Amino acid sequence: MLVCLDKKQLGLALILLSAFPLTSYAIDKKFEIEPAALAKKYPMPPAPAPKAKPAAATKAKPAPKASGPVTYKVKQGDFLYRVLAREYGITGDRADAVARRVQAANHLTDIRKLRVGTTLLIPLDAAEHVAKAKPRRPVRIAAAKTGKTAPAEAKGATMMHFRAPAAQAPGAQAAAGNPQAVQDAAQVWPQLIPNAPSSKAQLDYLSSAFSLSLDPQRYPVLAAQDGGTILVDAGATLPPLVKSLLQEKNPQLSVVSERPDNPRAFYRALLNAARFYSFEEDFLVDFGTDCKVIVQADFKIEKNQDSLLRQDITLLKVPGKRPATPQALVRLLASHGFKLVETPSTAPIITGRPDDSVLYQIPEKDPRGIADALLEALGIRFQADRSIDLYADDNNGVRLEIPVYRYFEKNGKRYVLARFQGDPMGESLTNLLEGKGYQVIAVQDHDDLQSLSDKLLNRLDVAGRYGEQELWSLWEKGYGVRMPGVMLNDAKGGRIFITDRKVDPLVRELAKLNGYRQETR
């Protein structure tokens, strides 16, 4: 039913309504509901996941670019494998592969002979430029449980102590083991710092609030020279918070986080942390004058300021794939106050190589005897005391004979060794022989191995001159021999070394170990 009110009736109704007050009631606060609590107990349903875009529309992240080749300028004493290890941390099989690429890219005939000042192109790929990141290893941090009392010595303070680790199964030890370089360092460290704590000691912190322990298999502990402690964190896997806590509680604790796959940098970091008086890299020590025996050490260590005066010098060698130092050299070093400490070598043990090289000793002082020894060492057959008839082939009725000391032929050419010293016709006779196609090598009374070999090799157009020679690569073996003489390469790939100096027993032993057989002419 439709009711119609006029304006007067509507106004009267409003007056009556306003005359009676309306009552409101408020609920007690203890019955109020917090929106946050309500949302926590009755969470909203999750929003629908956005629809995945088509694969074609997804932007792919660009792949990292390859590192590409780098350049290196050769310095004095550089050896390619040493440069790869020192500058780029490349060793082992990777170094062999890179060395082959370097040889091909730079058109090198022999990678053992680098010319100082030249710039090498070193092709490196991304894997060789940036080492793979190792997975982070957890550090055990055990919080103290509520209601348990901390040990008496830990109340109110935090203390550090060493504890022998609990026995582990062999499989667990292998899984937690560090790279070989870290194990080698732990093995030789007591030789550098005698009476040092065991590297397998466990580092623990105890306090009323927490306890912290580090696995000694993953984080070996070494001793420093000044009584401090070195914590080896191979690969920088120790959490920064734990590292800060350790160094805050023990200012004498040094943490070494250098990567062990670069042994030179790894041991450099260890020696810095050990706080020796001084240490020097790439140290060379030689013995002898004419015949020098040289030993190369990666590091020379002086433990205190009077080590040099007391002849207490330690040489540290990290051979890697190089052979171990022969015991004869170890004894020689010890007799001169050098203690040699060497990490285990991965090179095969060599008791003697095939005699593919020859060491010729020529004690002869007579120039003619020296000439004969040189020709025999070069494998040249000659005729002795022959007379050359210059006009025998002309059939002109003229006979002119010139006596020569030695005559031989090589590569289609005729050679004579003649002695015209003191003869006023010597220069004319030489010109006559040269005019008939003979290569004349003049022998003088004052000639020695140096002068005679230079004249003979120059005439034969053979690469080789008299001087101080290196019998084998010092940087490949870690030791070497240098002595005056002539070094030649034979057709079989061996080497021929000719010297007029005395060869002592130690040099003979080292030469035999490196593939030389000795002959005396």
Foldseek 3Di string as FASTA:
>chain_A
DDDDDDPVVVVVVVVVVVVDDDDDDDDDPVPDDDPVVVCVVPPDDDDDDDDDDDPVPDDDDDDDDWPWKDKDAAAPPDAQQVCCLPVQLDDDPRSVVQLVVQCVVVVPPDSRDDDHGDMTIGTDTRCSRDPDADDFDDWDKFWDDPPDFFDPVQEPHKDKDWDQDDDDDPVVLVVLADPPLVVLCQVQQCVVPPPKDRQQTKIWMGHRTIITTGHSRQWTWTAALVGAIETEHARPNDDPVVVVVVCVRPVSYHYQHYHCSSVLVSVVSVNVSSPAPDKDAFDWDWDDDQKIKIFTAGMKGHRDDCCVVVLQIEGEHEQAQADDDDVVVCVVSVVRSYHYGYGDYPHDDFPFDAQQEAEEAEQDDFQLSLVVSVCVLQVFDKDAFDWDFLCPVVPPPDTDIDTFGIWGDDPRAIETEHECPPPPCVVVVVVSCVVSRYHYQYTDRNDDNQVNVVSVCVSVVFPKHWDWDWQDRCVRHSMTMTHTFIWHADPVGYIYTYYHDDDDPVNCSVVRSVNYDYDYD
